[in-house]
């Protein structure tokens, strides 16, 4: 975690009906001063969508050679590399060479402006998936932010519903930019 980051704690109960994954995760999220709470919550949503006992947040913005989240197998090899935003093509090419699967979650208003030129050189990577969050839905996540959060995530048919213990709710849909929604 970066030294000046604000730390948020979350207990996230995941019910992923698409993958038959049901578990509770105690998480610490660092919100770097240059990062918005919405982006931090999108990282949490990305965790929920890919939840696994070995999925972890990296050192984030403090470490440029690491993704936002990653999952390593028991030998330390990378199984899953997760990025938020519009990562550089070279970065994604390196990630595709290092990890079994690479997933990018973008949340801008026009992700095609980034993806269409990048896809020319990245389409050869079969282990790369790019999906877009609806930016208006993503902004609604900030209504769930507290320094200590108890959240429930339900995932079904590729859609995510997040609820907090105060009764607030946010819904996220994903749109695939690479043609598959793995």
Protein backbone atom coordinates (compact mmCIF):
# COMPACT_ATOMS: atom_id res chain seq x y z
CA UNK A 1 0.00 0.00 0.00
CA UNK A 2 1.19 3.48 -0.78
CA UNK A 3 2.14 5.47 2.33
CA UNK A 4 -0.48 8.22 1.92
CA UNK A 5 -3.34 5.92 0.96
CA UNK A 6 -6.59 5.85 2.90
CA UNK A 7 -7.37 2.33 4.05
CA UNK A 8 -10.90 0.98 3.86
CA UNK A 9 -12.00 -2.35 5.34
CA UNK A 10 -14.67 -4.50 3.73
CA UNK A 11 -16.31 -7.79 4.50
CA UNK A 12 -17.57 -9.00 1.14
CA UNK A 13 -20.01 -11.90 0.95
CA UNK A 14 -20.00 -13.24 -2.60
CA UNK A 15 -22.79 -15.33 -4.12
CA UNK A 16 -21.70 -16.00 -7.70
CA UNK A 17 -24.49 -18.04 -9.23
CA UNK A 18 -22.68 -18.14 -12.60
CA UNK A 19 -19.64 -19.95 -11.15
CA UNK A 20 -21.27 -21.60 -8.11
CA UNK A 21 -18.87 -19.72 -5.85
CA UNK A 22 -20.05 -18.72 -2.37
CA UNK A 23 -17.63 -17.26 0.18
CA UNK A 24 -16.93 -14.39 2.53
CA UNK A 25 -13.77 -12.30 2.17
CA UNK A 26 -12.26 -9.83 4.66
CA UNK A 27 -10.51 -7.20 2.54
CA UNK A 28 -8.38 -4.13 3.06
CA UNK A 29 -8.53 -1.61 0.21
CA UNK A 30 -6.09 1.24 -0.18
CA UNK A 31 -7.38 4.35 -1.92
CA UNK A 32 -4.38 6.26 -3.25
CA UNK A 33 -4.71 10.09 -3.13
CA UNK A 34 -4.73 10.18 -6.95
CA UNK A 35 -7.55 7.63 -7.13
CA UNK A 36 -11.29 8.16 -6.70
CA UNK A 37 -13.54 6.22 -4.36
CA UNK A 38 -15.45 5.08 -7.46
CA UNK A 39 -12.30 3.47 -8.87
CA UNK A 40 -11.62 1.81 -5.52
CA UNK A 41 -15.15 0.42 -5.50
CA UNK A 42 -14.70 -0.81 -9.08
CA UNK A 43 -11.65 -2.71 -7.85
CA UNK A 44 -13.89 -4.23 -5.17
CA UNK A 45 -16.51 -5.10 -7.82
CA UNK A 46 -13.76 -6.66 -9.94
CA UNK A 47 -12.76 -8.72 -6.91
CA UNK A 48 -16.36 -9.90 -6.51
CA UNK A 49 -16.65 -10.86 -10.19
CA UNK A 50 -13.47 -12.96 -9.99
CA UNK A 51 -13.58 -13.97 -6.33
CA UNK A 52 -11.31 -16.83 -5.32
CA UNK A 53 -9.53 -17.74 -2.09
CA UNK A 54 -6.16 -16.79 -3.66
CA UNK A 55 -7.30 -13.59 -5.43
CA UNK A 56 -5.55 -10.58 -3.88
CA UNK A 57 -5.09 -6.87 -4.35
CA UNK A 58 -1.56 -6.00 -5.41
CA UNK A 59 0.36 -2.98 -4.19
CA UNK A 60 -1.67 -1.09 -6.82
CA UNK A 61 -0.55 2.34 -7.95
CA UNK A 62 2.54 2.06 -5.77
CA UNK A 63 3.93 -0.72 -7.99
CA UNK A 64 3.87 -0.24 -11.76
CA UNK A 65 4.82 -3.84 -12.60
CA UNK A 66 1.81 -5.33 -10.84
CA UNK A 67 -1.85 -5.44 -11.85
CA UNK A 68 -4.67 -4.09 -9.71
CA UNK A 69 -5.51 -7.63 -8.59
CA UNK A 70 -3.95 -11.00 -9.20
CA UNK A 71 -4.34 -14.64 -8.42
CA UNK A 72 -1.38 -16.96 -8.10
CA UNK A 73 -1.41 -20.73 -7.98
CA UNK A 74 0.19 -22.63 -5.09
CA UNK A 75 3.60 -22.51 -6.81
CA UNK A 76 3.46 -18.72 -7.22
CA UNK A 77 2.72 -18.75 -10.96
CA UNK A 78 0.19 -16.19 -12.16
CA UNK A 79 -3.23 -17.61 -12.95
CA UNK A 80 -5.16 -14.36 -13.31
CA UNK A 81 -4.08 -10.74 -13.97
CA UNK A 82 -6.81 -8.10 -13.49
CA UNK A 83 -6.50 -4.47 -14.63
CA UNK A 84 -8.81 -1.48 -14.32
CA UNK A 85 -8.94 1.35 -16.85
CA UNK A 86 -6.95 1.60 -20.07
CA UNK A 87 -3.61 -0.14 -19.60
CA UNK A 88 -0.80 0.33 -22.10
CA UNK A 89 -0.59 -2.25 -24.94
CA UNK A 90 2.95 -3.28 -23.99
CA UNK A 91 1.86 -3.81 -20.40
CA UNK A 92 -1.00 -6.05 -21.52
CA UNK A 93 1.23 -7.99 -23.91
CA UNK A 94 3.68 -8.66 -21.04
CA UNK A 95 0.79 -9.65 -18.77
CA UNK A 96 -0.55 -12.08 -21.39
CA UNK A 97 2.89 -13.69 -21.52
CA UNK A 98 3.12 -13.98 -17.74
CA UNK A 99 -0.42 -15.04 -16.75
CA UNK A 100 -2.81 -17.78 -17.85
CA UNK A 101 -5.66 -15.25 -18.08
CA UNK A 102 -5.72 -11.45 -18.31
CA UNK A 103 -8.91 -9.45 -17.82
CA UNK A 104 -9.30 -5.71 -18.26
CA UNK A 105 -12.30 -3.86 -16.86
CA UNK A 106 -12.71 -0.38 -18.29
CA UNK A 107 -15.19 2.20 -17.00
CA UNK A 108 -14.84 5.19 -19.31
CA UNK A 109 -17.67 6.68 -21.37
CA UNK A 110 -16.08 5.60 -24.67
CA UNK A 111 -13.88 2.53 -24.09
CA UNK A 112 -13.81 1.83 -27.84
CA UNK A 113 -11.58 4.89 -28.33
CA UNK A 114 -8.91 3.06 -26.33
CA UNK A 115 -9.70 -0.53 -27.30
CA UNK A 116 -10.06 -0.30 -31.09
CA UNK A 117 -6.46 0.88 -31.75
CA UNK A 118 -5.08 -1.40 -29.00
CA UNK A 119 -6.96 -4.44 -30.28
CA UNK A 120 -4.94 -4.46 -33.51
CA UNK A 121 -1.83 -5.60 -31.68
CA UNK A 122 -3.54 -7.43 -28.79
CA UNK A 123 -6.10 -9.56 -30.65
CA UNK A 124 -3.51 -12.33 -31.03
CA UNK A 125 -3.67 -13.02 -27.28
CA UNK A 126 -6.34 -15.65 -26.64
CA UNK A 127 -6.00 -15.26 -22.88
CA UNK A 128 -7.08 -11.59 -22.90
CA UNK A 129 -10.63 -10.46 -22.14
CA UNK A 130 -11.71 -6.81 -22.12
CA UNK A 131 -15.03 -5.76 -20.61
CA UNK A 132 -16.61 -2.38 -19.98
CA UNK A 133 -18.59 -1.27 -16.95
CA UNK A 134 -21.36 1.22 -17.63
CA UNK A 135 -19.88 4.53 -16.34
CA UNK A 136 -23.18 5.78 -14.90
CA UNK A 137 -23.65 2.54 -12.97
CA UNK A 138 -20.02 2.70 -11.82
CA UNK A 139 -20.54 6.17 -10.28
CA UNK A 140 -23.41 4.78 -8.19
CA UNK A 141 -20.89 2.61 -6.33
CA UNK A 142 -19.65 5.64 -4.42
CA UNK A 143 -22.93 5.59 -2.47
CA UNK A 144 -21.76 2.38 -0.79
CA UNK A 145 -18.42 3.74 0.45
CA UNK A 146 -17.70 3.70 4.18
CA UNK A 147 -14.39 3.28 5.99
CA UNK A 148 -15.71 -0.07 7.25
CA UNK A 149 -18.11 -1.83 4.88
CA UNK A 150 -20.24 -4.96 5.05
CA UNK A 151 -21.24 -5.79 1.49
CA UNK A 152 -23.10 -8.57 -0.26
CA UNK A 153 -22.36 -9.29 -3.92
CA UNK A 154 -24.70 -11.33 -6.05
CA UNK A 155 -23.60 -12.27 -9.56
CA UNK A 156 -25.95 -13.82 -12.06
CA UNK A 157 -25.95 -13.84 -15.87
CA UNK A 158 -22.87 -11.60 -15.87
CA UNK A 159 -24.53 -8.88 -13.80
CA UNK A 160 -23.44 -7.76 -10.35
CA UNK A 161 -25.59 -6.43 -7.52
CA UNK A 162 -23.81 -4.95 -4.50
CA UNK A 163 -25.71 -4.21 -1.29
CA UNK A 164 -24.51 -2.76 1.98
CA UNK A 165 -25.83 -3.36 5.49
CA UNK A 166 -27.65 0.00 5.41
CA UNK A 167 -29.89 -1.08 2.54
CA UNK A 168 -28.07 0.82 -0.23
CA UNK A 169 -27.64 -0.99 -3.51
CA UNK A 170 -25.75 -0.66 -6.78
CA UNK A 171 -26.11 -2.67 -9.98
CA UNK A 172 -23.38 -3.18 -12.59
CA UNK A 173 -23.63 -4.62 -16.06
CA UNK A 174 -20.66 -5.55 -18.19
CA UNK A 175 -20.26 -5.33 -21.93
CA UNK A 176 -17.60 -7.40 -23.66
CA UNK A 177 -15.22 -5.59 -26.02
CA UNK A 178 -13.34 -8.74 -27.04
CA UNK A 179 -16.33 -10.80 -28.09
CA UNK A 180 -16.28 -13.22 -25.15
CA UNK A 181 -17.37 -12.75 -21.58
CA UNK A 182 -15.20 -15.21 -19.70
